[in-house]
Amino acid sequence: VRVLGTDPGNIDRAENRQTFSALLDDLGIDQPAWRHVTEASTAEHIVEELGGFPVLVRPSYVLSGAAMSIAHEPNELRGILARAKRVSPDHPVVVSKFETRAREIEIDAVADHGELVLWAISEHIEDAGVHSGDATLVLPPQSVYISTIRRVRLIAAELAAALAITGPFNVQFLAKHNLVKVIECNLRASRSFPFVSKVTGANFAAEATRRMLGVAGESTVASLELDHVGVKAPMFSFGRLAGVDPMLGVEMASTGEVGCLGVDLQEALLQALHAAGFRFPRKGVLLSLGPVEDKYWFADEARLIHEQLKLPIYATGGTAEALRALGIPCTMVAKQPGDGKSAMELIDAGEIDLIVNVPREYDEYGRPDGYLIRRQAVETGTPLFTDLQLARALIEALWRKRPGDLTVRAWQDYVRPSRRQAARCGRADRC
């Protein structure tokens, strides 16, 4: 069968976790430390070689992160490896060191015989560890070093050449302290292809198709020089799944997504969250912030909730103690009924209309701490945020923008090409 675009042999090199990791090593492109696992009995020894837990288990030839998981201890690792082998029994499973507190960056691109011809770089608001389909995506990047962006583009160009790519591809990266590491490369159109096309005004899918058919088209888009910001927000269906914990991880859980534009990050973020069902808080905020460092890391945002948003703060035990030590007023509440005023009762009564819940530990059923609060949020339709980075971005946006500040503009008003762009492209509808 004649296959248009990238040669299937090179697609296999990218989809096979072991051969792709080996390719990165050959090219001198940095990646998280990794090992190929064939027997579960060797896994713990491999984890020691990688520097200990947590580790990321990545099977080959999967979509939506199926069977991909982060392991924090040996029993969890054994269960994940068993599931990964069931999903992809004849293909390699790679265990790699999981980088904490790292930012995830993506590049969506089109190449022609190994030459990069069209590209756009986006960043996730959440730290790495949330599947790209569940992450809140921002284009152009708002908090990434210029040198990091340059390195991302150069790596994408190297991979396009090494894999002789013709057509669409997507590369995902980790960025930490201005160091860039590759997570994976998908030689296909990603779910963010429509998003970057809408935000930039360049039709990535159409251009990829033209290149695969041997037809030259546009060769550049100024994706870093936009006068607007686009945000993609996920949508979930946890309310239709009884008892499911609405926690996000490296396996995709979202069932839809929306993309919105704004004049800045704050407007675009609020527009996207609102379109995905978020309601602006007017009554009270519940904070349950997990590890000690997270409690203090959120202190500025908690102060904004009290002083600028003028909303009462309810907090679970450890969080309340930390906030009071910082001089931030709050009402301490129990996690479960029976221990005085509880968060569950306040949610039921409608006194809380925004919840920030970051798990810290696990209960006897292996569920992350705060499961009952998160599930109650789902059952009552109360906005819930379990990622600290996204919660911080939300509070800043609520502080800088009020609901009345959000404007409605046509997509064309944001991305309509200038006359100079139209002249360069030859046709305005292809700019």
Protein backbone atom coordinates (compact mmCIF):
# COMPACT_ATOMS: atom_id res chain seq x y z
CA VAL A 1 0.00 0.00 0.00
CA ARG A 2 1.35 3.43 -0.89
CA VAL A 3 1.33 5.59 2.23
CA LEU A 4 1.31 9.36 1.81
CA GLY A 5 3.48 11.47 4.08
CA THR A 6 5.94 10.10 6.61
CA ASP A 7 7.27 6.60 5.97
CA PRO A 8 5.60 3.99 8.25
CA GLY A 9 9.05 2.77 9.32
CA ASN A 10 9.79 6.20 10.80
CA ILE A 11 6.34 6.33 12.43
CA ASP A 12 7.27 3.03 14.12
CA ARG A 13 10.57 4.51 15.32
CA ALA A 14 8.65 7.28 17.07
CA GLU A 15 5.80 5.13 18.47
CA ASN A 16 8.10 2.42 19.85
CA ARG A 17 9.17 3.87 23.22
CA GLN A 18 12.49 2.05 23.27
CA THR A 19 13.63 2.92 19.75
CA PHE A 20 12.52 6.54 20.13
CA SER A 21 14.40 6.94 23.42
CA ALA A 22 17.45 5.41 21.76
CA LEU A 23 17.09 7.87 18.86
CA LEU A 24 17.07 10.81 21.29
CA ASP A 25 20.25 9.47 22.89
CA ASP A 26 21.91 9.13 19.47
CA LEU A 27 20.95 12.73 18.59
CA GLY A 28 22.17 14.04 21.95
CA ILE A 29 18.70 15.35 22.79
CA ASP A 30 17.99 15.39 26.51
CA GLN A 31 15.19 13.28 27.98
CA PRO A 32 14.25 12.00 31.45
CA ALA A 33 16.43 9.04 32.47
CA TRP A 34 14.78 5.84 31.20
CA ARG A 35 15.03 2.05 31.13
CA HIS A 36 13.34 -0.62 29.03
CA VAL A 37 11.34 -3.05 31.19
CA THR A 38 10.53 -6.60 30.04
CA GLU A 39 10.03 -8.32 33.41
CA ALA A 40 8.13 -6.85 36.35
CA SER A 41 10.58 -8.59 38.70
CA THR A 42 13.37 -6.25 37.55
CA ALA A 43 11.32 -3.07 37.91
CA GLU A 44 12.31 -2.13 41.46
CA HIS A 45 16.00 -2.49 40.64
CA ILE A 46 15.47 -0.28 37.60
CA VAL A 47 13.75 2.34 39.75
CA GLU A 48 16.82 2.42 42.00
CA GLU A 49 19.03 2.99 38.93
CA LEU A 50 16.80 5.90 37.90
CA GLY A 51 17.15 7.56 41.30
CA GLY A 52 14.00 6.31 43.04
CA PHE A 53 10.29 7.07 42.92
CA PRO A 54 8.24 8.64 41.42
CA VAL A 55 8.59 7.11 37.96
CA LEU A 56 6.50 7.28 34.79
CA VAL A 57 5.45 4.04 33.06
CA ARG A 58 4.91 4.47 29.30
CA PRO A 59 3.68 1.63 27.06
CA SER A 60 4.15 1.87 23.28
CA TYR A 61 1.47 2.35 20.59
CA VAL A 62 -1.25 3.85 22.77
CA LEU A 63 -3.60 6.80 22.41
CA SER A 64 -4.81 9.17 25.14
CA GLY A 65 -2.16 7.91 27.54
CA ALA A 66 -3.86 4.51 27.94
CA ALA A 67 -2.19 2.53 30.77
CA MET A 68 0.34 5.34 31.25
CA SER A 69 0.71 6.13 34.95
CA ILE A 70 2.96 7.62 37.62
CA ALA A 71 4.11 5.14 40.29
CA HIS A 72 4.98 6.41 43.76
CA GLU A 73 5.81 3.08 45.47
CA PRO A 74 6.55 -0.61 44.55
CA ASN A 75 3.02 -2.06 44.81
CA GLU A 76 1.63 0.71 42.63
CA LEU A 77 4.41 0.10 40.10
CA ARG A 78 3.65 -3.64 39.84
CA GLY A 79 -0.05 -2.96 39.18
CA ILE A 80 0.73 -0.35 36.51
CA LEU A 81 3.20 -2.65 34.72
CA ALA A 82 0.61 -5.45 34.63
CA ARG A 83 -1.98 -3.13 33.09
CA ALA A 84 0.52 -1.72 30.58
CA LYS A 85 1.43 -5.22 29.41
CA ARG A 86 -2.25 -6.07 28.87
CA VAL A 87 -2.73 -2.94 26.77
CA SER A 88 0.39 -3.43 24.62
CA PRO A 89 1.58 -7.04 25.21
CA ASP A 90 4.05 -7.30 22.33
CA HIS A 91 5.67 -3.89 22.58
CA PRO A 92 8.18 -2.24 24.92
CA VAL A 93 7.31 -0.60 28.19
CA VAL A 94 9.64 2.21 29.22
CA VAL A 95 10.03 3.38 32.81
CA SER A 96 11.44 6.89 33.13
CA LYS A 97 12.21 9.26 35.98
CA PHE A 98 9.24 11.53 36.66
CA GLU A 99 10.26 15.17 36.85
CA THR A 100 8.37 17.05 39.58
CA ARG A 101 7.58 20.79 39.38
CA ALA A 102 8.34 20.83 35.65
CA ARG A 103 6.40 22.82 33.04
CA GLU A 104 5.09 20.95 29.98
CA ILE A 105 5.43 22.52 26.55
CA GLU A 106 4.14 21.28 23.18
CA ILE A 107 4.98 22.09 19.61
CA ASP A 108 2.49 21.34 16.83
CA ALA A 109 4.17 21.37 13.47
CA VAL A 110 4.12 20.45 9.80
CA ALA A 111 7.23 19.24 7.98
CA ASP A 112 8.07 18.52 4.35
CA HIS A 113 10.75 15.87 3.67
CA GLY A 114 12.31 16.55 7.04
CA GLU A 115 12.14 20.36 6.86
CA LEU A 116 10.06 22.25 9.42
CA VAL A 117 7.62 24.49 7.53
CA LEU A 118 4.88 25.42 10.03
CA TRP A 119 4.94 25.40 13.83
CA ALA A 120 3.30 26.75 16.98
CA ILE A 121 4.48 26.36 20.58
CA SER A 122 2.01 26.12 23.48
CA GLU A 123 2.48 25.72 27.23
CA HIS A 124 0.41 23.93 29.86
CA ILE A 125 -0.72 25.91 32.89
CA GLU A 126 -0.56 22.75 35.01
CA ASP A 127 2.77 21.19 35.94
CA ALA A 128 3.80 18.01 34.13
CA GLY A 129 1.84 14.96 35.22
CA VAL A 130 -1.51 15.98 33.69
CA HIS A 131 -2.27 14.46 30.27
CA SER A 132 -2.12 17.02 27.47
CA GLY A 133 -5.78 16.32 26.66
CA ASP A 134 -6.75 17.28 30.23
CA ALA A 135 -4.35 20.21 30.57
CA THR A 136 -5.17 23.89 30.15
CA LEU A 137 -3.23 24.93 27.05
CA VAL A 138 -1.98 28.48 26.36
CA LEU A 139 -0.81 29.90 23.02
CA PRO A 140 1.44 31.80 22.69
CA PRO A 141 3.41 30.83 25.85
CA GLN A 142 3.20 33.43 28.62
CA SER A 143 5.77 32.27 31.17
CA VAL A 144 8.47 30.44 29.20
CA TYR A 145 12.03 31.68 28.66
CA ILE A 146 12.89 32.80 25.12
CA SER A 147 15.88 30.45 25.18
CA THR A 148 13.54 27.56 26.10
CA ILE A 149 11.27 28.38 23.16
CA ARG A 150 14.28 28.52 20.85
CA ARG A 151 15.52 25.14 22.12
CA VAL A 152 12.08 23.57 21.64
CA ARG A 153 11.96 24.71 18.03
CA LEU A 154 15.50 23.48 17.30
CA ILE A 155 14.75 20.03 18.77
CA ALA A 156 11.56 19.79 16.70
CA ALA A 157 13.58 20.62 13.58
CA GLU A 158 16.17 17.94 14.48
CA LEU A 159 13.48 15.31 14.97
CA ALA A 160 11.74 16.27 11.73
CA ALA A 161 15.03 15.76 9.87
CA ALA A 162 15.98 12.53 11.67
CA LEU A 163 12.55 10.96 11.04
CA ALA A 164 12.18 12.46 7.53
CA ILE A 165 8.74 13.74 8.48
CA THR A 166 6.31 14.84 5.78
CA GLY A 167 3.01 15.96 7.26
CA PRO A 168 1.84 16.66 10.81
CA PHE A 169 3.60 15.93 14.09
CA ASN A 170 3.53 16.93 17.74
CA VAL A 171 6.36 16.89 20.29
CA GLN A 172 5.89 17.20 24.05
CA PHE A 173 8.61 18.59 26.31
CA LEU A 174 9.45 19.14 29.95
CA ALA A 175 11.02 22.47 30.90
CA LYS A 176 12.61 23.05 34.28
CA HIS A 177 15.17 25.71 35.22
CA ASN A 178 15.51 26.52 31.51
CA LEU A 179 16.49 22.90 30.72
CA VAL A 180 14.40 21.15 28.05
CA LYS A 181 13.72 17.40 27.87
CA VAL A 182 11.63 15.46 25.34
CA ILE A 183 8.72 13.33 26.55
CA GLU A 184 7.42 11.93 23.25
CA CYS A 185 6.88 12.62 19.57
CA ASN A 186 3.65 11.76 17.74
CA LEU A 187 3.83 11.61 13.94
CA ARG A 188 0.19 12.51 13.41
CA ALA A 189 -2.19 15.39 13.94
CA SER A 190 -2.72 15.93 17.65
CA ARG A 191 -5.89 17.11 19.41
CA SER A 192 -4.27 20.55 19.67
CA PHE A 193 -3.99 20.93 15.86
CA PRO A 194 -7.44 22.58 15.58
CA PHE A 195 -6.62 24.79 18.58
CA VAL A 196 -3.35 26.17 17.18
CA SER A 197 -5.01 26.61 13.78
CA LYS A 198 -7.82 28.71 15.26
CA VAL A 199 -5.52 30.79 17.46
CA THR A 200 -2.93 31.54 14.77
CA GLY A 201 -5.31 31.69 11.80
CA ALA A 202 -3.13 29.20 9.86
CA ASN A 203 -4.84 25.93 8.91
CA PHE A 204 -2.29 23.36 10.09
CA ALA A 205 -4.36 20.35 8.97
CA ALA A 206 -4.83 21.71 5.45
CA GLU A 207 -1.14 22.54 5.15
CA ALA A 208 -0.13 19.08 6.40
CA THR A 209 -2.43 17.52 3.79
CA ARG A 210 -0.97 19.64 1.00
CA ARG A 211 2.58 18.65 1.97
CA MET A 212 1.63 14.96 2.09
CA LEU A 213 0.21 15.34 -1.44
CA GLY A 214 3.41 17.01 -2.65
CA VAL A 215 1.93 20.49 -2.96
CA ALA A 216 3.89 23.41 -1.48
CA GLY A 217 1.97 25.94 0.57
CA GLU A 218 2.63 28.53 3.25
CA SER A 219 5.88 28.09 5.13
CA THR A 220 5.63 30.24 8.23
CA VAL A 221 3.30 31.75 10.81
CA ALA A 222 4.24 34.31 13.46
CA SER A 223 2.80 32.23 16.32
CA LEU A 224 4.93 34.03 18.94
CA GLU A 225 3.95 37.53 17.79
CA LEU A 226 0.18 37.37 18.22
CA ASP A 227 -1.69 40.33 19.69
CA HIS A 228 -4.08 37.96 21.46
CA VAL A 229 -3.93 34.82 23.62
CA GLY A 230 -5.74 31.53 23.18
CA VAL A 231 -6.62 29.10 25.97
CA LYS A 232 -7.90 25.54 25.58
CA ALA A 233 -9.81 24.23 28.61
CA PRO A 234 -10.94 20.60 29.07
CA MET A 235 -14.45 19.41 29.82
CA PHE A 236 -15.20 16.32 31.94
CA SER A 237 -18.11 13.95 32.52
CA PHE A 238 -17.32 12.84 36.07
CA GLY A 239 -20.94 13.53 37.04
CA ARG A 240 -22.06 10.64 34.82
CA LEU A 241 -19.64 8.17 36.45
CA ALA A 242 -20.75 7.08 39.93
CA GLY A 243 -18.02 7.13 42.55
CA VAL A 244 -15.18 8.13 40.21
CA ASP A 245 -12.55 10.38 41.80
CA PRO A 246 -12.20 13.52 39.63
CA MET A 247 -8.42 13.51 39.86
CA LEU A 248 -6.28 14.19 36.79
CA GLY A 249 -3.21 12.21 35.79
CA VAL A 250 -1.18 11.08 32.80
CA GLU A 251 -4.05 9.01 31.36
CA MET A 252 -6.65 11.22 29.68
CA ALA A 253 -10.03 11.67 31.40
CA SER A 254 -11.61 14.62 29.56
CA THR A 255 -14.50 14.09 27.13
CA GLY A 256 -14.35 17.43 25.35
CA GLU A 257 -12.65 20.79 25.28
CA VAL A 258 -13.25 24.42 24.41
CA GLY A 259 -10.95 27.10 23.07
CA CYS A 260 -11.34 30.83 23.63
CA LEU A 261 -9.41 33.97 22.74
CA GLY A 262 -8.75 37.10 24.76
CA VAL A 263 -6.61 40.20 24.76
CA ASP A 264 -4.47 38.67 27.52
CA LEU A 265 -4.06 35.41 29.43
CA GLN A 266 -6.52 36.34 32.18
CA GLU A 267 -9.36 37.14 29.79
CA ALA A 268 -8.75 34.08 27.62
CA LEU A 269 -8.55 31.79 30.67
CA LEU A 270 -11.80 33.04 32.19
CA GLN A 271 -13.57 32.88 28.83
CA ALA A 272 -12.44 29.28 28.31
CA LEU A 273 -13.30 28.13 31.85
CA HIS A 274 -16.69 29.86 31.64
CA ALA A 275 -17.39 28.15 28.30
CA ALA A 276 -16.50 24.81 29.92
CA GLY A 277 -19.08 25.36 32.69
CA PHE A 278 -17.19 27.34 35.35
CA ARG A 279 -19.30 29.73 37.45
CA PHE A 280 -17.75 32.80 39.04
CA PRO A 281 -17.63 32.42 42.86
CA ARG A 282 -19.89 34.73 44.86
CA LYS A 283 -20.37 33.00 48.25
CA GLY A 284 -17.28 31.24 49.60
CA VAL A 285 -14.07 29.35 48.75
CA LEU A 286 -12.92 26.05 50.28
CA LEU A 287 -9.15 25.47 50.42
CA SER A 288 -7.55 22.10 51.17
CA LEU A 289 -3.99 22.49 49.99
CA GLY A 290 -2.12 19.28 50.67
CA PRO A 291 1.65 19.37 51.32
CA VAL A 292 3.07 22.10 53.56
CA GLU A 293 4.96 23.80 50.72
CA ASP A 294 1.75 24.02 48.67
CA LYS A 295 -0.07 25.72 51.55
CA TYR A 296 2.49 28.52 51.68
CA TRP A 297 2.90 28.61 47.89
CA PHE A 298 -0.80 29.54 47.63
CA ALA A 299 -0.59 32.24 50.33
CA ASP A 300 -0.64 35.23 47.96
CA GLU A 301 -3.70 33.87 46.17
CA ALA A 302 -5.47 33.21 49.50
CA ARG A 303 -4.80 36.81 50.46
CA LEU A 304 -6.31 37.96 47.15
CA ILE A 305 -9.43 35.89 47.83
CA HIS A 306 -9.87 37.62 51.19
CA GLU A 307 -8.75 41.18 50.41
CA GLN A 308 -9.65 41.70 46.75
CA LEU A 309 -12.39 39.22 45.93
CA LYS A 310 -14.00 39.78 49.35
CA LEU A 311 -14.95 36.11 49.67
CA PRO A 312 -14.96 34.13 52.94
CA ILE A 313 -12.36 31.36 53.08
CA TYR A 314 -13.13 27.95 54.56
CA ALA A 315 -10.12 25.69 55.08
CA THR A 316 -9.43 22.16 56.31
CA GLY A 317 -7.27 21.71 59.42
CA GLY A 318 -3.67 21.98 58.24
CA THR A 319 -4.47 24.60 55.62
CA ALA A 320 -6.35 26.74 58.15
CA GLU A 321 -3.40 26.65 60.56
CA ALA A 322 -0.98 27.74 57.82
CA LEU A 323 -3.24 30.57 56.63
CA ARG A 324 -3.83 31.88 60.15
CA ALA A 325 -0.09 31.84 60.82
CA LEU A 326 0.24 34.15 57.81
CA GLY A 327 -2.48 36.46 59.08
CA ILE A 328 -5.10 35.38 56.54
CA PRO A 329 -8.57 35.02 58.13
CA CYS A 330 -10.38 31.73 57.49
CA THR A 331 -12.91 29.38 59.04
CA MET A 332 -11.62 25.91 59.89
CA VAL A 333 -13.88 23.07 58.73
CA ALA A 334 -13.74 19.29 59.03
CA LYS A 335 -13.30 17.12 55.95
CA GLN A 336 -16.16 14.82 56.96
CA PRO A 337 -19.45 15.23 58.89
CA GLY A 338 -19.39 14.46 62.60
CA ASP A 339 -16.35 16.54 63.51
CA GLY A 340 -18.07 19.92 63.87
CA LYS A 341 -18.88 22.12 60.90
CA SER A 342 -17.82 20.12 57.85
CA ALA A 343 -16.91 21.02 54.30
CA MET A 344 -19.46 18.47 53.03
CA GLU A 345 -22.33 20.23 54.83
CA LEU A 346 -21.27 23.66 53.59
CA ILE A 347 -21.09 22.40 50.00
CA ASP A 348 -24.56 20.88 50.36
CA ALA A 349 -25.90 24.14 51.77
CA GLY A 350 -24.53 26.13 48.83
CA GLU A 351 -22.22 28.20 51.06
CA ILE A 352 -19.18 27.19 48.99
CA ASP A 353 -19.06 27.77 45.24
CA LEU A 354 -15.35 27.22 44.55
CA ILE A 355 -13.15 24.38 45.82
CA VAL A 356 -9.37 24.06 45.60
CA ASN A 357 -8.42 20.56 46.74
CA VAL A 358 -4.84 19.32 46.35
CA PRO A 359 -4.40 15.74 47.69
CA ARG A 360 -1.61 14.94 50.13
CA GLU A 361 -1.98 11.32 51.26
CA TYR A 362 -4.06 8.16 50.70
CA ASP A 363 -6.80 6.51 52.76
CA GLU A 364 -7.26 2.80 53.54
CA TYR A 365 -8.93 2.25 50.15
CA GLY A 366 -5.98 3.69 48.25
CA ARG A 367 -7.92 6.87 47.42
CA PRO A 368 -6.17 10.24 47.47
CA ASP A 369 -6.88 12.40 50.51
CA GLY A 370 -10.06 14.47 50.19
CA TYR A 371 -11.92 12.03 47.94
CA LEU A 372 -15.28 12.70 49.64
CA ILE A 373 -14.95 16.47 49.17
CA ARG A 374 -14.04 16.11 45.51
CA ARG A 375 -16.88 13.70 44.88
CA GLN A 376 -19.33 16.04 46.65
CA ALA A 377 -18.15 18.84 44.38
CA VAL A 378 -19.00 16.69 41.35
CA GLU A 379 -22.41 15.70 42.72
CA THR A 380 -23.38 19.32 43.45
CA GLY A 381 -21.81 20.85 40.34
CA THR A 382 -19.46 23.02 42.42
CA PRO A 383 -16.37 24.23 40.50
CA LEU A 384 -13.38 22.12 41.60
CA PHE A 385 -9.65 22.62 40.97
CA THR A 386 -7.16 19.92 41.97
CA ASP A 387 -4.05 21.46 40.37
CA LEU A 388 -2.32 24.23 42.28
CA GLN A 389 -0.86 25.98 39.24
CA LEU A 390 -4.26 26.23 37.57
CA ALA A 391 -5.88 27.39 40.82
CA ARG A 392 -3.27 30.15 41.18
CA ALA A 393 -3.82 31.27 37.58
CA LEU A 394 -7.58 31.31 38.19
CA ILE A 395 -7.39 33.49 41.31
CA GLU A 396 -5.10 35.98 39.57
CA ALA A 397 -7.51 36.13 36.63
CA LEU A 398 -10.50 36.67 38.94
CA TRP A 399 -8.58 39.48 40.64
CA ARG A 400 -7.60 41.21 37.40
CA LYS A 401 -10.88 40.70 35.53
CA ARG A 402 -14.48 40.93 36.64
CA PRO A 403 -17.26 39.13 34.72
CA GLY A 404 -18.30 42.46 33.19
CA ASP A 405 -14.76 42.96 31.82
CA LEU A 406 -15.05 39.99 29.47
CA THR A 407 -15.81 41.04 25.91
CA VAL A 408 -17.32 39.14 23.01
CA ARG A 409 -15.55 39.48 19.67
CA ALA A 410 -15.71 37.52 16.45
CA TRP A 411 -12.87 35.09 15.76
CA GLN A 412 -12.05 37.00 12.56
CA ASP A 413 -11.50 40.19 14.57
CA TYR A 414 -8.61 38.48 16.36
CA VAL A 415 -6.94 36.63 13.50
CA ARG A 416 -7.87 38.61 10.35
CA PRO A 417 -4.59 38.82 8.35
CA SER A 418 -3.01 42.12 7.51
CA ARG A 419 -2.68 43.20 3.89
CA ARG A 420 1.03 42.43 4.04
CA GLN A 421 0.34 38.88 5.23
CA ALA A 422 -2.30 38.40 2.54
CA ALA A 423 0.11 39.61 -0.14
CA ARG A 424 2.84 37.25 1.10
CA CYS A 425 0.49 34.27 1.18
CA GLY A 426 -1.15 35.12 -2.12
CA ARG A 427 -4.62 34.42 -0.74
CA ALA A 428 -6.16 35.87 2.40
CA ASP A 429 -8.07 32.66 3.14
CA ARG A 430 -4.78 30.74 3.45
CA CYS A 431 -3.05 33.12 5.86
